[in-house]
Amino acid sequence: MELRKCSEFLYNINYIYIMKIVNLTPHTIVFNDGRSFPASGIVARVQAGFSTIENDVCTQTFGEVQDLPEPQEGVQYIVSAMVLSALAGKRQDVVAPATGHPLCVRNDKGHIVSVPCFVQ
């Protein structure tokens, strides 16, 4: 874990944790505050399977996640919501854009332009 010291007004000293963020989606992710996370060129994916439909309902299962690097200290990976669901909480270094959050910004066609945060 890399820590950088930063001085603030009135000589208050805080430590800021510097984390590398790798976007494993095919899209640039933009936060509402303007920060952006460009696609890395590597896309983590997962295969989905579906059960037989009974009474208009089926269950979804996931295969192995592909192209997700092993955990590295100080690195956080952005993945799709589907990949995050497939991991089912097994990795603490993986997040997805909070596309269901009420503070998402949408364009006139309803497409998401930016998100307020990530979900884990």
PDB file of N, CA and C in Angstrom:
ATOM      1  N   MET A   1       0.845  -1.161   0.000  1.00  0.00           N
ATOM      2  CA  MET A   1       0.000   0.000   0.000  1.00  0.00           C
ATOM      3  C   MET A   1       0.897   1.232   0.000  1.00  0.00           C
ATOM      4  N   GLU A   2       0.712   2.094  -0.983  1.00  0.00           N
ATOM      5  CA  GLU A   2       1.512   3.310  -1.074  1.00  0.00           C
ATOM      6  C   GLU A   2       0.744   4.468  -0.435  1.00  0.00           C
ATOM      7  N   LEU A   3       1.380   5.163   0.474  1.00  0.00           N
ATOM      8  CA  LEU A   3       0.768   6.337   1.100  1.00  0.00           C
ATOM      9  C   LEU A   3       1.579   7.559   0.726  1.00  0.00           C
ATOM     10  N   ARG A   4       0.866   8.633   0.393  1.00  0.00           N
ATOM     11  CA  ARG A   4       1.531   9.899   0.126  1.00  0.00           C
ATOM     12  C   ARG A   4       1.080  10.911   1.146  1.00  0.00           C
ATOM     13  N   LYS A   5       2.026  11.636   1.701  1.00  0.00           N
ATOM     14  CA  LYS A   5       1.715  12.655   2.699  1.00  0.00           C
ATOM     15  C   LYS A   5       1.307  13.936   1.980  1.00  0.00           C
ATOM     16  N   CYS A   6       0.296  14.590   2.499  1.00  0.00           N
ATOM     17  CA  CYS A   6      -0.153  15.830   1.884  1.00  0.00           C
ATOM     18  C   CYS A   6      -0.470  16.823   2.987  1.00  0.00           C
ATOM     19  N   SER A   7       0.080  18.036   2.885  1.00  0.00           N
ATOM     20  CA  SER A   7      -0.163  19.068   3.896  1.00  0.00           C
ATOM     21  C   SER A   7      -1.426  19.834   3.556  1.00  0.00           C
ATOM     22  N   GLU A   8      -2.173  20.177   4.569  1.00  0.00           N
ATOM     23  CA  GLU A   8      -3.373  20.970   4.383  1.00  0.00           C
ATOM     24  C   GLU A   8      -3.257  22.247   5.191  1.00  0.00           C
ATOM     25  N   PHE A   9      -4.175  23.150   4.975  1.00  0.00           N
ATOM     26  CA  PHE A   9      -4.222  24.445   5.652  1.00  0.00           C
ATOM     27  C   PHE A   9      -4.079  24.257   7.159  1.00  0.00           C
ATOM     28  N   LEU A  10      -3.401  25.156   7.808  1.00  0.00           N
ATOM     29  CA  LEU A  10      -3.138  25.145   9.253  1.00  0.00           C
ATOM     30  C   LEU A  10      -2.291  23.953   9.692  1.00  0.00           C
ATOM     31  N   TYR A  11      -1.446  23.480   8.807  1.00  0.00           N
ATOM     32  CA  TYR A  11      -0.486  22.429   9.103  1.00  0.00           C
ATOM     33  C   TYR A  11      -1.112  21.091   9.466  1.00  0.00           C
ATOM     34  N   ASN A  12      -2.388  20.908   9.143  1.00  0.00           N
ATOM     35  CA  ASN A  12      -2.988  19.585   9.335  1.00  0.00           C
ATOM     36  C   ASN A  12      -2.382  18.649   8.299  1.00  0.00           C
ATOM     37  N   ILE A  13      -1.985  17.478   8.738  1.00  0.00           N
ATOM     38  CA  ILE A  13      -1.398  16.512   7.815  1.00  0.00           C
ATOM     39  C   ILE A  13      -2.323  15.310   7.723  1.00  0.00           C
ATOM     40  N   ASN A  14      -2.688  14.987   6.501  1.00  0.00           N
ATOM     41  CA  ASN A  14      -3.526  13.813   6.246  1.00  0.00           C
ATOM     42  C   ASN A  14      -2.756  12.859   5.351  1.00  0.00           C
ATOM     43  N   TYR A  15      -3.151  11.617   5.383  1.00  0.00           N
ATOM     44  CA  TYR A  15      -2.588  10.621   4.490  1.00  0.00           C
ATOM     45  C   TYR A  15      -3.657  10.229   3.491  1.00  0.00           C
ATOM     46  N   ILE A  16      -3.285  10.266   2.226  1.00  0.00           N
ATOM     47  CA  ILE A  16      -4.207   9.909   1.158  1.00  0.00           C
ATOM     48  C   ILE A  16      -3.721   8.602   0.554  1.00  0.00           C
ATOM     49  N   TYR A  17      -4.609   7.637   0.470  1.00  0.00           N
ATOM     50  CA  TYR A  17      -4.273   6.344  -0.112  1.00  0.00           C
ATOM     51  C   TYR A  17      -4.337   6.477  -1.629  1.00  0.00           C
ATOM     52  N   ILE A  18      -3.248   6.214  -2.292  1.00  0.00           N
ATOM     53  CA  ILE A  18      -3.183   6.299  -3.747  1.00  0.00           C
ATOM     54  C   ILE A  18      -3.438   4.906  -4.306  1.00  0.00           C
ATOM     55  N   MET A  19      -4.514   4.757  -5.086  1.00  0.00           N
ATOM     56  CA  MET A  19      -4.880   3.468  -5.643  1.00  0.00           C
ATOM     57  C   MET A  19      -4.895   3.557  -7.165  1.00  0.00           C
ATOM     58  N   LYS A  20      -4.384   2.547  -7.808  1.00  0.00           N
ATOM     59  CA  LYS A  20      -4.460   2.446  -9.261  1.00  0.00           C
ATOM     60  C   LYS A  20      -5.815   1.835  -9.598  1.00  0.00           C
ATOM     61  N   ILE A  21      -6.530   2.455 -10.525  1.00  0.00           N
ATOM     62  CA  ILE A  21      -7.841   1.958 -10.938  1.00  0.00           C
ATOM     63  C   ILE A  21      -7.743   1.527 -12.393  1.00  0.00           C
ATOM     64  N   VAL A  22      -8.105   0.272 -12.672  1.00  0.00           N
ATOM     65  CA  VAL A  22      -8.037  -0.284 -14.022  1.00  0.00           C
ATOM     66  C   VAL A  22      -9.458  -0.580 -14.490  1.00  0.00           C
ATOM     67  N   ASN A  23      -9.854   0.044 -15.588  1.00  0.00           N
ATOM     68  CA  ASN A  23     -11.193  -0.121 -16.138  1.00  0.00           C
ATOM     69  C   ASN A  23     -11.208  -1.314 -17.087  1.00  0.00           C
ATOM     70  N   LEU A  24     -11.875  -2.388 -16.687  1.00  0.00           N
ATOM     71  CA  LEU A  24     -11.969  -3.608 -17.491  1.00  0.00           C
ATOM     72  C   LEU A  24     -13.310  -3.703 -18.206  1.00  0.00           C
ATOM     73  N   THR A  25     -13.903  -2.549 -18.540  1.00  0.00           N
ATOM     74  CA  THR A  25     -15.112  -2.504 -19.368  1.00  0.00           C
ATOM     75  C   THR A  25     -14.717  -1.907 -20.718  1.00  0.00           C
ATOM     76  N   PRO A  26     -15.574  -2.039 -21.736  1.00  0.00           N
ATOM     77  CA  PRO A  26     -15.225  -1.462 -23.044  1.00  0.00           C
ATOM     78  C   PRO A  26     -15.519   0.034 -23.162  1.00  0.00           C
ATOM     79  N   HIS A  27     -15.996   0.660 -22.088  1.00  0.00           N
ATOM     80  CA  HIS A  27     -16.414   2.062 -22.132  1.00  0.00           C
ATOM     81  C   HIS A  27     -15.633   2.901 -21.129  1.00  0.00           C
ATOM     82  N   THR A  28     -15.439   4.174 -21.444  1.00  0.00           N
ATOM     83  CA  THR A  28     -14.926   5.113 -20.448  1.00  0.00           C
ATOM     84  C   THR A  28     -16.020   5.315 -19.412  1.00  0.00           C
ATOM     85  N   ILE A  29     -15.676   5.211 -18.145  1.00  0.00           N
ATOM     86  CA  ILE A  29     -16.633   5.439 -17.062  1.00  0.00           C
ATOM     87  C   ILE A  29     -16.431   6.868 -16.575  1.00  0.00           C
ATOM     88  N   VAL A  30     -17.530   7.629 -16.507  1.00  0.00           N
ATOM     89  CA  VAL A  30     -17.466   9.031 -16.092  1.00  0.00           C
ATOM     90  C   VAL A  30     -18.269   9.207 -14.811  1.00  0.00           C
ATOM     91  N   PHE A  31     -17.648   9.844 -13.819  1.00  0.00           N
ATOM     92  CA  PHE A  31     -18.346  10.208 -12.581  1.00  0.00           C
ATOM     93  C   PHE A  31     -19.061  11.541 -12.784  1.00  0.00           C
ATOM     94  N   ASN A  32     -20.081  11.775 -11.984  1.00  0.00           N
ATOM     95  CA  ASN A  32     -20.834  13.027 -12.050  1.00  0.00           C
ATOM     96  C   ASN A  32     -19.944  14.246 -11.817  1.00  0.00           C
ATOM     97  N   ASP A  33     -18.870  14.078 -11.051  1.00  0.00           N
ATOM     98  CA  ASP A  33     -17.982  15.216 -10.769  1.00  0.00           C
ATOM     99  C   ASP A  33     -16.961  15.464 -11.881  1.00  0.00           C
ATOM    100  N   GLY A  34     -17.031  14.683 -12.964  1.00  0.00           N
ATOM    101  CA  GLY A  34     -16.161  14.893 -14.115  1.00  0.00           C
ATOM    102  C   GLY A  34     -14.972  13.964 -14.209  1.00  0.00           C
ATOM    103  N   ARG A  35     -14.632  13.271 -13.128  1.00  0.00           N
ATOM    104  CA  ARG A  35     -13.526  12.309 -13.214  1.00  0.00           C
ATOM    105  C   ARG A  35     -13.903  11.214 -14.201  1.00  0.00           C
ATOM    106  N   SER A  36     -12.924  10.745 -14.953  1.00  0.00           N
ATOM    107  CA  SER A  36     -13.212   9.678 -15.908  1.00  0.00           C
ATOM    108  C   SER A  36     -12.154   8.586 -15.818  1.00  0.00           C
ATOM    109  N   PHE A  37     -12.572   7.391 -16.179  1.00  0.00           N
ATOM    110  CA  PHE A  37     -11.725   6.207 -16.112  1.00  0.00           C
ATOM    111  C   PHE A  37     -11.762   5.546 -17.490  1.00  0.00           C
ATOM    112  N   PRO A  38     -10.750   5.796 -18.323  1.00  0.00           N
ATOM    113  CA  PRO A  38     -10.767   5.254 -19.680  1.00  0.00           C
ATOM    114  C   PRO A  38     -10.642   3.734 -19.690  1.00  0.00           C
ATOM    115  N   ALA A  39     -11.221   3.128 -20.716  1.00  0.00           N
ATOM    116  CA  ALA A  39     -11.120   1.676 -20.890  1.00  0.00           C
ATOM    117  C   ALA A  39      -9.650   1.298 -21.048  1.00  0.00           C
ATOM    118  N   SER A  40      -9.257   0.183 -20.442  1.00  0.00           N
ATOM    119  CA  SER A  40      -7.856  -0.254 -20.469  1.00  0.00           C
ATOM    120  C   SER A  40      -7.506  -1.030 -21.735  1.00  0.00           C
ATOM    121  N   GLY A  41      -8.521  -1.471 -22.467  1.00  0.00           N
ATOM    122  CA  GLY A  41      -8.278  -2.325 -23.626  1.00  0.00           C
ATOM    123  C   GLY A  41      -8.458  -3.794 -23.301  1.00  0.00           C
ATOM    124  N   ILE A  42      -8.549  -4.119 -22.018  1.00  0.00           N
ATOM    125  CA  ILE A  42      -8.851  -5.484 -21.568  1.00  0.00           C
ATOM    126  C   ILE A  42     -10.273  -5.458 -21.031  1.00  0.00           C
ATOM    127  N   VAL A  43     -11.091  -6.428 -21.441  1.00  0.00           N
ATOM    128  CA  VAL A  43     -12.486  -6.463 -21.000  1.00  0.00           C
ATOM    129  C   VAL A  43     -12.743  -7.767 -20.250  1.00  0.00           C
ATOM    130  N   ALA A  44     -13.095  -7.656 -18.971  1.00  0.00           N
ATOM    131  CA  ALA A  44     -13.478  -8.832 -18.179  1.00  0.00           C
ATOM    132  C   ALA A  44     -14.890  -9.230 -18.594  1.00  0.00           C
ATOM    133  N   ARG A  45     -15.082 -10.503 -18.863  1.00  0.00           N
ATOM    134  CA  ARG A  45     -16.387 -10.993 -19.319  1.00  0.00           C
ATOM    135  C   ARG A  45     -16.756 -12.268 -18.567  1.00  0.00           C
ATOM    136  N   VAL A  46     -18.048 -12.591 -18.637  1.00  0.00           N
ATOM    137  CA  VAL A  46     -18.542 -13.821 -18.030  1.00  0.00           C
ATOM    138  C   VAL A  46     -19.662 -14.370 -18.908  1.00  0.00           C
ATOM    139  N   GLN A  47     -19.714 -15.682 -19.037  1.00  0.00           N
ATOM    140  CA  GLN A  47     -20.806 -16.334 -19.767  1.00  0.00           C
ATOM    141  C   GLN A  47     -21.980 -16.511 -18.826  1.00  0.00           C
ATOM    142  N   ALA A  48     -23.173 -16.304 -19.344  1.00  0.00           N
ATOM    143  CA  ALA A  48     -24.387 -16.505 -18.549  1.00  0.00           C
ATOM    144  C   ALA A  48     -25.170 -17.666 -19.133  1.00  0.00           C
ATOM    145  N   GLY A  49     -25.768 -18.453 -18.250  1.00  0.00           N
ATOM    146  CA  GLY A  49     -26.646 -19.544 -18.657  1.00  0.00           C
ATOM    147  C   GLY A  49     -28.014 -19.341 -18.032  1.00  0.00           C
ATOM    148  N   PHE A  50     -29.008 -19.927 -18.650  1.00  0.00           N
ATOM    149  CA  PHE A  50     -30.380 -19.760 -18.163  1.00  0.00           C
ATOM    150  C   PHE A  50     -31.061 -21.117 -18.072  1.00  0.00           C
ATOM    151  N   SER A  51     -31.872 -21.290 -17.031  1.00  0.00           N
ATOM    152  CA  SER A  51     -32.630 -22.531 -16.861  1.00  0.00           C
ATOM    153  C   SER A  51     -33.841 -22.517 -17.790  1.00  0.00           C
ATOM    154  N   THR A  52     -34.550 -23.619 -17.799  1.00  0.00           N
ATOM    155  CA  THR A  52     -35.800 -23.704 -18.543  1.00  0.00           C
ATOM    156  C   THR A  52     -36.800 -22.722 -17.943  1.00  0.00           C
ATOM    157  N   ILE A  53     -37.574 -22.094 -18.802  1.00  0.00           N
ATOM    158  CA  ILE A  53     -38.581 -21.141 -18.339  1.00  0.00           C
ATOM    159  C   ILE A  53     -39.783 -21.905 -17.802  1.00  0.00           C
ATOM    160  N   GLU A  54     -40.150 -21.606 -16.568  1.00  0.00           N
ATOM    161  CA  GLU A  54     -41.336 -22.191 -15.946  1.00  0.00           C
ATOM    162  C   GLU A  54     -42.155 -21.067 -15.341  1.00  0.00           C
ATOM    163  N   ASN A  55     -43.416 -20.992 -15.712  1.00  0.00           N
ATOM    164  CA  ASN A  55     -44.309 -19.936 -15.221  1.00  0.00           C
ATOM    165  C   ASN A  55     -43.713 -18.550 -15.460  1.00  0.00           C
ATOM    166  N   ASP A  56     -43.149 -18.375 -16.646  1.00  0.00           N
ATOM    167  CA  ASP A  56     -42.574 -17.097 -17.073  1.00  0.00           C
ATOM    168  C   ASP A  56     -41.340 -16.678 -16.278  1.00  0.00           C
ATOM    169  N   VAL A  57     -40.682 -17.621 -15.587  1.00  0.00           N
ATOM    170  CA  VAL A  57     -39.499 -17.312 -14.778  1.00  0.00           C
ATOM    171  C   VAL A  57     -38.398 -18.333 -15.072  1.00  0.00           C
ATOM    172  N   CYS A  58     -37.174 -17.850 -15.138  1.00  0.00           N
ATOM    173  CA  CYS A  58     -36.020 -18.746 -15.246  1.00  0.00           C
ATOM    174  C   CYS A  58     -34.954 -18.261 -14.274  1.00  0.00           C
ATOM    175  N   THR A  59     -33.963 -19.084 -14.047  1.00  0.00           N
ATOM    176  CA  THR A  59     -32.842 -18.667 -13.202  1.00  0.00           C
ATOM    177  C   THR A  59     -31.615 -18.453 -14.085  1.00  0.00           C
ATOM    178  N   GLN A  60     -30.768 -17.551 -13.646  1.00  0.00           N
ATOM    179  CA  GLN A  60     -29.552 -17.241 -14.379  1.00  0.00           C
ATOM    180  C   GLN A  60     -28.360 -17.774 -13.601  1.00  0.00           C
ATOM    181  N   THR A  61     -27.445 -18.417 -14.303  1.00  0.00           N
ATOM    182  CA  THR A  61     -26.202 -18.890 -13.697  1.00  0.00           C
ATOM    183  C   THR A  61     -25.035 -18.290 -14.475  1.00  0.00           C
ATOM    184  N   PHE A  62     -23.893 -18.212 -13.822  1.00  0.00           N
ATOM    185  CA  PHE A  62     -22.719 -17.630 -14.457  1.00  0.00           C
ATOM    186  C   PHE A  62     -21.604 -18.653 -14.546  1.00  0.00           C
ATOM    187  N   GLY A  63     -20.823 -18.549 -15.606  1.00  0.00           N
ATOM    188  CA  GLY A  63     -19.621 -19.354 -15.751  1.00  0.00           C
ATOM    189  C   GLY A  63     -18.449 -18.639 -15.100  1.00  0.00           C
ATOM    190  N   GLU A  64     -17.256 -19.034 -15.485  1.00  0.00           N
ATOM    191  CA  GLU A  64     -16.047 -18.412 -14.953  1.00  0.00           C
ATOM    192  C   GLU A  64     -15.849 -17.030 -15.571  1.00  0.00           C
ATOM    193  N   VAL A  65     -15.371 -16.113 -14.771  1.00  0.00           N
ATOM    194  CA  VAL A  65     -15.041 -14.779 -15.268  1.00  0.00           C
ATOM    195  C   VAL A  65     -13.737 -14.875 -16.056  1.00  0.00           C
ATOM    196  N   GLN A  66     -13.726 -14.279 -17.231  1.00  0.00           N
ATOM    197  CA  GLN A  66     -12.552 -14.299 -18.105  1.00  0.00           C
ATOM    198  C   GLN A  66     -11.871 -12.932 -18.103  1.00  0.00           C
ATOM    199  N   ASP A  67     -10.562 -12.942 -18.216  1.00  0.00           N
ATOM    200  CA  ASP A  67      -9.741 -11.728 -18.359  1.00  0.00           C
ATOM    201  C   ASP A  67      -9.799 -10.783 -17.164  1.00  0.00           C
ATOM    202  N   LEU A  68     -10.010 -11.333 -15.976  1.00  0.00           N
ATOM    203  CA  LEU A  68      -9.919 -10.553 -14.742  1.00  0.00           C
ATOM    204  C   LEU A  68      -8.575 -10.883 -14.098  1.00  0.00           C
ATOM    205  N   PRO A  69      -7.678  -9.906 -14.005  1.00  0.00           N
ATOM    206  CA  PRO A  69      -6.363 -10.177 -13.406  1.00  0.00           C
ATOM    207  C   PRO A  69      -6.484 -10.616 -11.946  1.00  0.00           C
ATOM    208  N   GLU A  70      -5.458 -11.289 -11.479  1.00  0.00           N
ATOM    209  CA  GLU A  70      -5.385 -11.659 -10.067  1.00  0.00           C
ATOM    210  C   GLU A  70      -5.311 -10.385  -9.227  1.00  0.00           C
ATOM    211  N   PRO A  71      -5.780 -10.444  -7.976  1.00  0.00           N
ATOM    212  CA  PRO A  71      -5.698  -9.259  -7.114  1.00  0.00           C
ATOM    213  C   PRO A  71      -4.253  -8.790  -6.950  1.00  0.00           C
ATOM    214  N   GLN A  72      -4.087  -7.472  -6.938  1.00  0.00           N
ATOM    215  CA  GLN A  72      -2.788  -6.852  -6.678  1.00  0.00           C
ATOM    216  C   GLN A  72      -2.993  -5.761  -5.641  1.00  0.00           C
ATOM    217  N   GLU A  73      -2.092  -5.673  -4.702  1.00  0.00           N
ATOM    218  CA  GLU A  73      -2.203  -4.641  -3.674  1.00  0.00           C
ATOM    219  C   GLU A  73      -2.187  -3.258  -4.317  1.00  0.00           C
ATOM    220  N   GLY A  74      -3.137  -2.413  -3.920  1.00  0.00           N
ATOM    221  CA  GLY A  74      -3.207  -1.051  -4.426  1.00  0.00           C
ATOM    222  C   GLY A  74      -3.878  -0.902  -5.776  1.00  0.00           C
ATOM    223  N   VAL A  75      -4.500  -1.973  -6.287  1.00  0.00           N
ATOM    224  CA  VAL A  75      -5.174  -1.914  -7.587  1.00  0.00           C
ATOM    225  C   VAL A  75      -6.642  -2.267  -7.411  1.00  0.00           C
ATOM    226  N   GLN A  76      -7.509  -1.445  -8.000  1.00  0.00           N
ATOM    227  CA  GLN A  76      -8.945  -1.713  -7.997  1.00  0.00           C
ATOM    228  C   GLN A  76      -9.385  -1.848  -9.448  1.00  0.00           C
ATOM    229  N   TYR A  77     -10.245  -2.840  -9.722  1.00  0.00           N
ATOM    230  CA  TYR A  77     -10.696  -3.108 -11.077  1.00  0.00           C
ATOM    231  C   TYR A  77     -12.156  -2.714 -11.242  1.00  0.00           C
ATOM    232  N   ILE A  78     -12.459  -1.996 -12.333  1.00  0.00           N
ATOM    233  CA  ILE A  78     -13.836  -1.672 -12.692  1.00  0.00           C
ATOM    234  C   ILE A  78     -14.295  -2.731 -13.687  1.00  0.00           C
ATOM    235  N   VAL A  79     -15.437  -3.356 -13.393  1.00  0.00           N
ATOM    236  CA  VAL A  79     -16.010  -4.378 -14.266  1.00  0.00           C
ATOM    237  C   VAL A  79     -17.483  -4.059 -14.500  1.00  0.00           C
ATOM    238  N   SER A  80     -18.121  -4.826 -15.364  1.00  0.00           N
ATOM    239  CA  SER A  80     -19.553  -4.655 -15.595  1.00  0.00           C
ATOM    240  C   SER A  80     -20.338  -5.181 -14.397  1.00  0.00           C
ATOM    241  N   ALA A  81     -21.587  -4.759 -14.292  1.00  0.00           N
ATOM    242  CA  ALA A  81     -22.450  -5.244 -13.211  1.00  0.00           C
ATOM    243  C   ALA A  81     -22.628  -6.756 -13.302  1.00  0.00           C
ATOM    244  N   MET A  82     -22.660  -7.289 -14.516  1.00  0.00           N
ATOM    245  CA  MET A  82     -22.826  -8.737 -14.695  1.00  0.00           C
ATOM    246  C   MET A  82     -21.612  -9.500 -14.150  1.00  0.00           C
ATOM    247  N   VAL A  83     -20.420  -9.007 -14.436  1.00  0.00           N
ATOM    248  CA  VAL A  83     -19.206  -9.640 -13.904  1.00  0.00           C
ATOM    249  C   VAL A  83     -19.191  -9.534 -12.381  1.00  0.00           C
ATOM    250  N   LEU A  84     -19.554  -8.368 -11.852  1.00  0.00           N
ATOM    251  CA  LEU A  84     -19.603  -8.189 -10.396  1.00  0.00           C
ATOM    252  C   LEU A  84     -20.579  -9.183  -9.769  1.00  0.00           C
ATOM    253  N   SER A  85     -21.741  -9.377 -10.386  1.00  0.00           N
ATOM    254  CA  SER A  85     -22.725 -10.348  -9.877  1.00  0.00           C
ATOM    255  C   SER A  85     -22.167 -11.763  -9.904  1.00  0.00           C
ATOM    256  N   ALA A  86     -21.458 -12.097 -10.969  1.00  0.00           N
ATOM    257  CA  ALA A  86     -20.886 -13.441 -11.085  1.00  0.00           C
ATOM    258  C   ALA A  86     -19.851 -13.702  -9.996  1.00  0.00           C
ATOM    259  N   LEU A  87     -19.152 -12.670  -9.574  1.00  0.00           N
ATOM    260  CA  LEU A  87     -18.142 -12.831  -8.521  1.00  0.00           C
ATOM    261  C   LEU A  87     -18.764 -12.987  -7.142  1.00  0.00           C
ATOM    262  N   ALA A  88     -19.991 -12.533  -6.987  1.00  0.00           N
ATOM    263  CA  ALA A  88     -20.775 -12.715  -5.749  1.00  0.00           C
ATOM    264  C   ALA A  88     -19.981 -12.407  -4.480  1.00  0.00           C
ATOM    265  N   GLY A  89     -19.283 -11.286  -4.464  1.00  0.00           N
ATOM    266  CA  GLY A  89     -18.576 -10.869  -3.253  1.00  0.00           C
ATOM    267  C   GLY A  89     -17.266 -11.577  -2.986  1.00  0.00           C
ATOM    268  N   LYS A  90     -16.774 -12.367  -3.931  1.00  0.00           N
ATOM    269  CA  LYS A  90     -15.529 -13.116  -3.723  1.00  0.00           C
ATOM    270  C   LYS A  90     -14.276 -12.245  -3.816  1.00  0.00           C
ATOM    271  N   ARG A  91     -14.411 -11.060  -4.419  1.00  0.00           N
ATOM    272  CA  ARG A  91     -13.254 -10.175  -4.594  1.00  0.00           C
ATOM    273  C   ARG A  91     -13.592  -8.791  -4.065  1.00  0.00           C
ATOM    274  N   GLN A  92     -12.744  -8.255  -3.182  1.00  0.00           N
ATOM    275  CA  GLN A  92     -12.948  -6.921  -2.627  1.00  0.00           C
ATOM    276  C   GLN A  92     -12.296  -5.834  -3.477  1.00  0.00           C
ATOM    277  N   ASP A  93     -11.543  -6.229  -4.498  1.00  0.00           N
ATOM    278  CA  ASP A  93     -10.835  -5.269  -5.348  1.00  0.00           C
ATOM    279  C   ASP A  93     -11.582  -4.965  -6.638  1.00  0.00           C
ATOM    280  N   VAL A  94     -12.855  -5.364  -6.709  1.00  0.00           N
ATOM    281  CA  VAL A  94     -13.641  -5.228  -7.933  1.00  0.00           C
ATOM    282  C   VAL A  94     -14.884  -4.392  -7.650  1.00  0.00           C
ATOM    283  N   VAL A  95     -15.142  -3.422  -8.529  1.00  0.00           N
ATOM    284  CA  VAL A  95     -16.320  -2.557  -8.423  1.00  0.00           C
ATOM    285  C   VAL A  95     -16.964  -2.439  -9.798  1.00  0.00           C
ATOM    286  N   ALA A  96     -18.201  -1.942  -9.810  1.00  0.00           N
ATOM    287  CA  ALA A  96     -18.914  -1.684 -11.064  1.00  0.00           C
ATOM    288  C   ALA A  96     -19.552  -0.304 -10.982  1.00  0.00           C
ATOM    289  N   PRO A  97     -19.796   0.331 -12.123  1.00  0.00           N
ATOM    290  CA  PRO A  97     -20.481   1.625 -12.103  1.00  0.00           C
ATOM    291  C   PRO A  97     -21.877   1.476 -11.498  1.00  0.00           C
ATOM    292  N   ALA A  98     -22.278   2.445 -10.689  1.00  0.00           N
ATOM    293  CA  ALA A  98     -23.592   2.413 -10.019  1.00  0.00           C
ATOM    294  C   ALA A  98     -24.668   2.908 -10.983  1.00  0.00           C
ATOM    295  N   THR A  99     -24.955   2.108 -12.008  1.00  0.00           N
ATOM    296  CA  THR A  99     -25.878   2.524 -13.068  1.00  0.00           C
ATOM    297  C   THR A  99     -27.335   2.553 -12.629  1.00  0.00           C
ATOM    298  N   GLY A 100     -27.668   1.944 -11.514  1.00  0.00           N
ATOM    299  CA  GLY A 100     -29.034   1.981 -11.006  1.00  0.00           C
ATOM    300  C   GLY A 100     -29.265   3.065  -9.975  1.00  0.00           C
ATOM    301  N   HIS A 101     -28.236   3.812  -9.645  1.00  0.00           N
ATOM    302  CA  HIS A 101     -28.331   4.855  -8.617  1.00  0.00           C
ATOM    303  C   HIS A 101     -29.218   6.003  -9.106  1.00  0.00           C
ATOM    304  N   PRO A 102     -30.050   6.568  -8.226  1.00  0.00           N
ATOM    305  CA  PRO A 102     -30.932   7.663  -8.657  1.00  0.00           C
ATOM    306  C   PRO A 102     -30.186   8.930  -9.078  1.00  0.00           C
ATOM    307  N   LEU A 103     -28.919   9.076  -8.729  1.00  0.00           N
ATOM    308  CA  LEU A 103     -28.163  10.266  -9.117  1.00  0.00           C
ATOM    309  C   LEU A 103     -27.410  10.107 -10.442  1.00  0.00           C
ATOM    310  N   CYS A 104     -27.666   9.009 -11.172  1.00  0.00           N
ATOM    311  CA  CYS A 104     -27.073   8.868 -12.505  1.00  0.00           C
ATOM    312  C   CYS A 104     -27.563  10.006 -13.388  1.00  0.00           C
ATOM    313  N   VAL A 105     -26.689  10.492 -14.248  1.00  0.00           N
ATOM    314  CA  VAL A 105     -27.067  11.525 -15.213  1.00  0.00           C
ATOM    315  C   VAL A 105     -27.328  10.837 -16.547  1.00  0.00           C
ATOM    316  N   ARG A 106     -28.484  11.156 -17.143  1.00  0.00           N
ATOM    317  CA  ARG A 106     -28.875  10.549 -18.419  1.00  0.00           C
ATOM    318  C   ARG A 106     -29.052  11.627 -19.485  1.00  0.00           C
ATOM    319  N   ASN A 107     -28.850  11.237 -20.740  1.00  0.00           N
ATOM    320  CA  ASN A 107     -29.093  12.169 -21.835  1.00  0.00           C
ATOM    321  C   ASN A 107     -30.568  12.126 -22.230  1.00  0.00           C
ATOM    322  N   ASP A 108     -30.937  12.874 -23.263  1.00  0.00           N
ATOM    323  CA  ASP A 108     -32.345  12.960 -23.660  1.00  0.00           C
ATOM    324  C   ASP A 108     -32.905  11.643 -24.193  1.00  0.00           C
ATOM    325  N   LYS A 109     -32.039  10.690 -24.535  1.00  0.00           N
ATOM    326  CA  LYS A 109     -32.493   9.367 -24.981  1.00  0.00           C
ATOM    327  C   LYS A 109     -32.554   8.365 -23.831  1.00  0.00           C
ATOM    328  N   GLY A 110     -32.187   8.814 -22.629  1.00  0.00           N
ATOM    329  CA  GLY A 110     -32.215   7.941 -21.463  1.00  0.00           C
ATOM    330  C   GLY A 110     -30.941   7.156 -21.230  1.00  0.00           C
ATOM    331  N   HIS A 111     -29.927   7.375 -22.061  1.00  0.00           N
ATOM    332  CA  HIS A 111     -28.653   6.677 -21.887  1.00  0.00           C
ATOM    333  C   HIS A 111     -27.846   7.325 -20.760  1.00  0.00           C
ATOM    334  N   ILE A 112     -27.157   6.506 -19.997  1.00  0.00           N
ATOM    335  CA  ILE A 112     -26.354   7.018 -18.882  1.00  0.00           C
ATOM    336  C   ILE A 112     -25.134   7.760 -19.413  1.00  0.00           C
ATOM    337  N   VAL A 113     -24.947   8.976 -18.917  1.00  0.00           N
ATOM    338  CA  VAL A 113     -23.811   9.818 -19.274  1.00  0.00           C
ATOM    339  C   VAL A 113     -22.748   9.744 -18.184  1.00  0.00           C
ATOM    340  N   SER A 114     -23.193   9.716 -16.923  1.00  0.00           N
ATOM    341  CA  SER A 114     -22.255   9.626 -15.806  1.00  0.00           C
ATOM    342  C   SER A 114     -22.941   8.988 -14.604  1.00  0.00           C
ATOM    343  N   VAL A 115     -22.108   8.477 -13.702  1.00  0.00           N
ATOM    344  CA  VAL A 115     -22.604   7.831 -12.481  1.00  0.00           C
ATOM    345  C   VAL A 115     -22.019   8.543 -11.265  1.00  0.00           C
ATOM    346  N   PRO A 116     -22.700   8.463 -10.118  1.00  0.00           N
ATOM    347  CA  PRO A 116     -22.184   9.152  -8.932  1.00  0.00           C
ATOM    348  C   PRO A 116     -21.058   8.399  -8.225  1.00  0.00           C
ATOM    349  N   CYS A 117     -20.990   7.082  -8.446  1.00  0.00           N
ATOM    350  CA  CYS A 117     -20.043   6.272  -7.677  1.00  0.00           C
ATOM    351  C   CYS A 117     -19.975   4.868  -8.265  1.00  0.00           C
ATOM    352  N   PHE A 118     -19.237   4.020  -7.585  1.00  0.00           N
ATOM    353  CA  PHE A 118     -19.174   2.592  -7.905  1.00  0.00           C
ATOM    354  C   PHE A 118     -19.981   1.813  -6.878  1.00  0.00           C
ATOM    355  N   VAL A 119     -20.356   0.592  -7.227  1.00  0.00           N
ATOM    356  CA  VAL A 119     -20.946  -0.347  -6.269  1.00  0.00           C
ATOM    357  C   VAL A 119     -19.975  -1.506  -6.108  1.00  0.00           C
ATOM    358  N   GLN A 120     -20.068  -2.166  -4.951  1.00  0.00           N
ATOM    359  CA  GLN A 120     -19.165  -3.291  -4.688  1.00  0.00           C
ATOM    360  C   GLN A 120     -19.950  -4.503  -4.275  1.00  0.00           C
TER     361      GLN A 120
END
